[in-house]
N, C-alpha and C. Protein backbone atom coordinates (compact mmCIF):
# COMPACT_ATOMS: atom_id res chain seq x y z
N MET A 1 0.98 -1.02 0.24
CA MET A 1 0.25 0.00 -0.01
C MET A 1 1.05 1.04 -0.07
N GLU A 2 0.17 2.38 -0.43
CA GLU A 2 1.28 3.65 -0.50
C GLU A 2 0.60 4.13 0.62
N ARG A 3 1.92 5.15 1.16
CA ARG A 3 2.13 5.86 2.36
C ARG A 3 0.76 6.39 2.48
N ASP A 4 0.44 6.97 1.40
CA ASP A 4 -0.70 7.88 1.87
C ASP A 4 -2.10 7.07 2.44
N SER A 5 -2.38 5.74 1.67
CA SER A 5 -3.02 5.04 2.08
C SER A 5 -2.97 4.41 3.26
N ILE A 6 -1.99 4.04 3.50
CA ILE A 6 -1.31 3.63 5.30
C ILE A 6 -1.94 4.60 6.15
N ALA A 7 -1.56 5.86 5.83
CA ALA A 7 -1.96 6.88 6.73
C ALA A 7 -3.41 7.09 7.13
N LEU A 8 -4.06 7.04 6.01
CA LEU A 8 -5.59 6.99 6.19
C LEU A 8 -6.32 6.30 6.50
N ALA A 9 -5.86 4.77 6.61
CA ALA A 9 -6.29 3.33 7.15
C ALA A 9 -5.93 3.50 9.01
N ARG A 10 -5.09 4.03 9.13
CA ARG A 10 -4.17 4.56 10.59
C ARG A 10 -5.63 5.68 11.26
N ALA A 11 -5.56 6.52 10.46
CA ALA A 11 -6.22 7.40 11.10
C ALA A 11 -8.07 6.83 11.18
N VAL A 12 -8.22 5.75 10.33
CA VAL A 12 -9.91 5.37 10.71
C VAL A 12 -9.44 4.35 11.50
N LEU A 13 -8.56 3.57 11.47
CA LEU A 13 -8.55 1.88 12.32
C LEU A 13 -7.88 2.05 13.64
N VAL A 14 -6.76 2.98 13.48
CA VAL A 14 -5.94 3.32 14.97
C VAL A 14 -6.48 4.54 15.66
N ASP A 15 -7.15 5.56 14.98
CA ASP A 15 -6.69 6.98 15.83
C ASP A 15 -8.43 7.20 15.99
N GLY A 16 -9.13 6.53 15.05
CA GLY A 16 -10.78 6.48 15.28
C GLY A 16 -11.84 7.17 14.44
N GLN A 17 -10.72 8.27 13.79
CA GLN A 17 -11.63 8.93 12.66
C GLN A 17 -12.02 8.41 12.00
N ALA A 18 -13.39 9.29 11.31
CA ALA A 18 -14.64 8.78 11.14
C ALA A 18 -13.80 8.87 9.72
N GLN A 19 -14.49 7.93 8.88
CA GLN A 19 -13.98 7.54 7.10
C GLN A 19 -14.18 8.91 6.35
N ALA A 20 -15.11 9.35 6.65
CA ALA A 20 -15.37 10.62 6.04
C ALA A 20 -14.80 11.90 6.30
N ALA A 21 -14.10 11.83 7.34
CA ALA A 21 -13.12 13.17 7.83
C ALA A 21 -11.55 12.51 7.36
N ALA A 22 -11.42 11.37 7.93
CA ALA A 22 -10.09 10.99 6.90
C ALA A 22 -10.31 10.87 5.48
N ALA A 23 -11.11 11.12 4.39
CA ALA A 23 -11.26 11.02 3.03
C ALA A 23 -10.78 12.43 2.81
N ARG A 24 -11.98 13.05 3.88
CA ARG A 24 -11.23 14.28 3.20
C ARG A 24 -10.02 15.18 3.42
N ALA A 25 -9.38 14.57 4.29
CA ALA A 25 -7.67 15.26 5.06
C ALA A 25 -7.10 14.40 3.95
N ALA A 26 -6.80 13.67 3.44
CA ALA A 26 -6.55 12.64 2.17
C ALA A 26 -6.44 13.22 0.64
N GLY A 27 -7.66 13.86 0.52
CA GLY A 27 -8.47 14.74 -0.48
C GLY A 27 -8.90 13.33 -1.39
N VAL A 28 -9.40 12.15 -0.56
CA VAL A 28 -9.79 11.51 -1.76
C VAL A 28 -11.49 11.30 -1.45
N GLY A 29 -12.53 10.57 -2.38
CA GLY A 29 -13.76 10.43 -2.04
C GLY A 29 -13.70 9.45 -0.61
N ARG A 30 -15.32 9.34 -0.70
CA ARG A 30 -15.79 8.72 0.84
C ARG A 30 -15.46 6.83 0.30
N GLN A 31 -15.99 6.89 -1.24
CA GLN A 31 -15.88 5.67 -1.44
C GLN A 31 -14.40 4.96 -1.71
N ARG A 32 -13.59 5.69 -1.95
CA ARG A 32 -12.11 4.87 -1.96
C ARG A 32 -11.35 4.86 -0.52
N ALA A 33 -11.88 6.02 0.22
CA ALA A 33 -11.22 5.37 1.62
C ALA A 33 -12.03 4.33 2.31
N SER A 34 -13.14 4.08 1.94
CA SER A 34 -13.41 2.50 2.28
C SER A 34 -13.05 1.10 1.68
N GLN A 35 -12.48 1.72 0.48
CA GLN A 35 -11.95 0.61 -0.38
C GLN A 35 -10.43 0.59 0.23
N ILE A 36 -9.86 1.54 0.93
CA ILE A 36 -8.35 1.39 2.03
C ILE A 36 -9.01 0.99 2.94
N VAL A 37 -9.47 1.32 3.68
CA VAL A 37 -9.60 0.50 4.55
C VAL A 37 -10.00 -0.83 4.82
N HIS A 38 -11.08 -1.58 3.77
CA HIS A 38 -11.10 -2.76 3.99
C HIS A 38 -10.05 -3.26 3.25
N LYS A 39 -9.29 -2.84 2.47
CA LYS A 39 -7.91 -3.43 2.03
C LYS A 39 -7.25 -3.78 3.02
N MET A 40 -6.98 -2.32 3.97
CA MET A 40 -6.05 -2.76 5.22
C MET A 40 -6.39 -3.91 6.16
N LEU A 41 -7.82 -3.76 6.49
CA LEU A 41 -8.58 -4.98 6.94
C LEU A 41 -8.08 -6.55 6.66
N ARG A 42 -8.07 -6.70 5.55
CA ARG A 42 -8.12 -7.97 4.67
C ARG A 42 -6.27 -8.22 4.72
N TYR A 43 -5.88 -7.11 4.62
CA TYR A 43 -4.34 -7.75 5.07
C TYR A 43 -4.03 -8.01 6.08
N ILE A 44 -4.84 -7.18 7.47
CA ILE A 44 -4.33 -7.82 8.89
C ILE A 44 -4.98 -9.41 8.90
N GLU A 45 -6.28 -9.09 8.58
CA GLU A 45 -6.59 -10.67 8.81
C GLU A 45 -5.67 -12.09 8.12
N GLN A 46 -5.22 -11.55 7.07
CA GLN A 46 -4.20 -12.82 6.41
C GLN A 46 -2.77 -12.75 7.07
N ALA A 47 -2.38 -11.58 7.64
CA ALA A 47 -1.41 -11.34 8.33
C ALA A 47 -1.44 -12.22 9.44
N ASN A 48 -2.65 -12.05 10.35
CA ASN A 48 -2.60 -12.47 11.60
C ASN A 48 -4.05 -13.21 11.61
N PRO A 49 -4.16 -14.38 10.93
CA PRO A 49 -5.45 -15.02 10.96
C PRO A 49 -5.64 -15.75 12.19
N VAL A 50 -7.22 -15.87 12.81
CA VAL A 50 -7.87 -16.22 13.86
C VAL A 50 -7.78 -18.04 13.73
N PRO A 51 -7.23 -18.47 14.49
CA PRO A 51 -7.38 -19.64 14.69
C PRO A 51 -8.88 -20.14 14.47
N PRO A 52 -9.35 -20.88 13.89
CA PRO A 52 -10.74 -21.77 13.86
C PRO A 52 -10.74 -22.46 15.60
N GLY A 53 -11.90 -21.69 16.44
CA GLY A 53 -12.97 -21.64 17.50
C GLY A 53 -12.10 -20.60 18.54
N TRP A 54 -11.26 -19.78 17.67
CA TRP A 54 -10.84 -18.35 18.55
C TRP A 54 -11.92 -17.22 18.24
N ARG A 55 -12.02 -16.41 18.94
CA ARG A 55 -12.89 -15.17 19.09
C ARG A 55 -12.03 -14.02 18.87
N THR A 56 -12.30 -13.13 18.27
CA THR A 56 -11.84 -11.33 18.48
C THR A 56 -13.17 -10.95 19.02
N ASP A 57 -12.37 -10.13 19.72
CA ASP A 57 -13.70 -8.88 20.14
C ASP A 57 -12.69 -7.75 20.51
N LEU A 58 -13.59 -6.74 20.96
CA LEU A 58 -12.43 -5.21 21.38
C LEU A 58 -12.38 -5.32 22.58
N VAL A 59 -11.69 -5.57 23.03
CA VAL A 59 -11.74 -5.10 24.81
C VAL A 59 -10.92 -3.41 25.01
N THR A 60 -11.21 -3.32 25.96
CA THR A 60 -10.72 -2.11 26.59
C THR A 60 -10.22 -2.06 27.98
N LEU A 61 -9.24 -1.83 28.09
CA LEU A 61 -8.28 -2.19 29.59
C LEU A 61 -7.01 -1.53 30.25
N PRO A 62 -6.50 -0.88 31.04
CA PRO A 62 -5.71 -0.52 31.33
C PRO A 62 -4.55 -0.39 30.72
N ALA A 63 -3.28 0.21 29.96
CA ALA A 63 -2.21 -0.11 29.30
C ALA A 63 -1.41 -0.83 29.44
N ARG A 64 -1.29 -0.48 31.24
CA ARG A 64 -0.33 -1.77 32.14
C ARG A 64 -0.42 -3.22 31.99
N ASP A 65 -2.03 -3.64 31.74
CA ASP A 65 -2.36 -4.97 31.57
C ASP A 65 -2.37 -5.32 29.91
N TRP A 66 -2.29 -4.74 29.42
CA TRP A 66 -1.87 -5.00 27.78
C TRP A 66 -0.70 -5.87 27.52
N PRO A 67 0.38 -6.37 28.34
CA PRO A 67 1.34 -6.64 28.36
C PRO A 67 0.75 -8.31 28.12
N LYS A 68 0.32 -8.13 29.55
CA LYS A 68 -0.40 -9.82 29.99
C LYS A 68 -1.53 -10.81 28.83
N VAL A 69 -2.41 -9.59 27.91
CA VAL A 69 -2.89 -10.09 27.22
C VAL A 69 -2.37 -10.40 26.22
N ARG A 70 -0.92 -10.10 25.57
CA ARG A 70 -0.49 -10.15 24.92
C ARG A 70 0.68 -11.59 24.98
N ALA A 71 0.51 -11.92 26.26
CA ALA A 71 1.15 -12.88 26.60
C ALA A 71 0.52 -13.41 26.28
N LEU A 72 -0.66 -13.85 27.06
CA LEU A 72 -1.65 -15.06 26.87
C LEU A 72 -1.94 -15.71 25.77
N GLU A 73 -1.95 -14.66 24.69
CA GLU A 73 -2.67 -14.90 23.35
C GLU A 73 -1.33 -15.55 22.59
N ARG A 74 -0.02 -15.18 22.94
CA ARG A 74 0.92 -16.18 22.31
C ARG A 74 1.52 -17.24 22.78
N ALA A 75 0.87 -17.51 24.32
CA ALA A 75 1.18 -18.86 25.14
C ALA A 75 0.00 -19.37 24.30
N ALA A 76 -1.18 -19.18 23.96
CA ALA A 76 -2.19 -20.17 23.40
C ALA A 76 -2.00 -20.54 22.06
N ARG A 77 -1.36 -19.33 21.40
CA ARG A 77 -1.04 -19.75 19.73
C ARG A 77 0.48 -21.20 19.71
N ARG A 78 0.97 -20.54 20.65
CA ARG A 78 1.76 -21.96 21.05
C ARG A 78 1.49 -22.96 20.82
N LEU A 79 0.71 -23.47 22.27
CA LEU A 79 -0.01 -24.43 22.41
C LEU A 79 -0.51 -25.19 20.79
N GLU A 80 -1.41 -24.10 20.50
CA GLU A 80 -2.28 -24.70 19.10
C GLU A 80 -1.64 -25.16 17.83
N LYS A 81 -0.46 -24.71 18.33
CA LYS A 81 0.53 -25.24 16.53
C LYS A 81 1.50 -26.45 17.76
N LYS A 82 0.89 -27.73 18.86
CA LYS A 82 1.39 -28.45 19.14
C LYS A 82 0.52 -29.68 19.25
């Protein structure tokens, strides 16, 4: 992906900006912004596939606890490979 496309996807997916606002800021149409965001989501899904029987969810927690959550995920993935 082009640098500008990555910046737009980040604005929407990471920073929480509305797609319409990110599109305006990037100088592209809303449909193009939607395509860019969906392309990035597909890339993320391919790079980090969810194993069968697992669930993806949005979780909000203190930053200090995030390393514990990531460690749990890594341990579970190692067990899945066995």
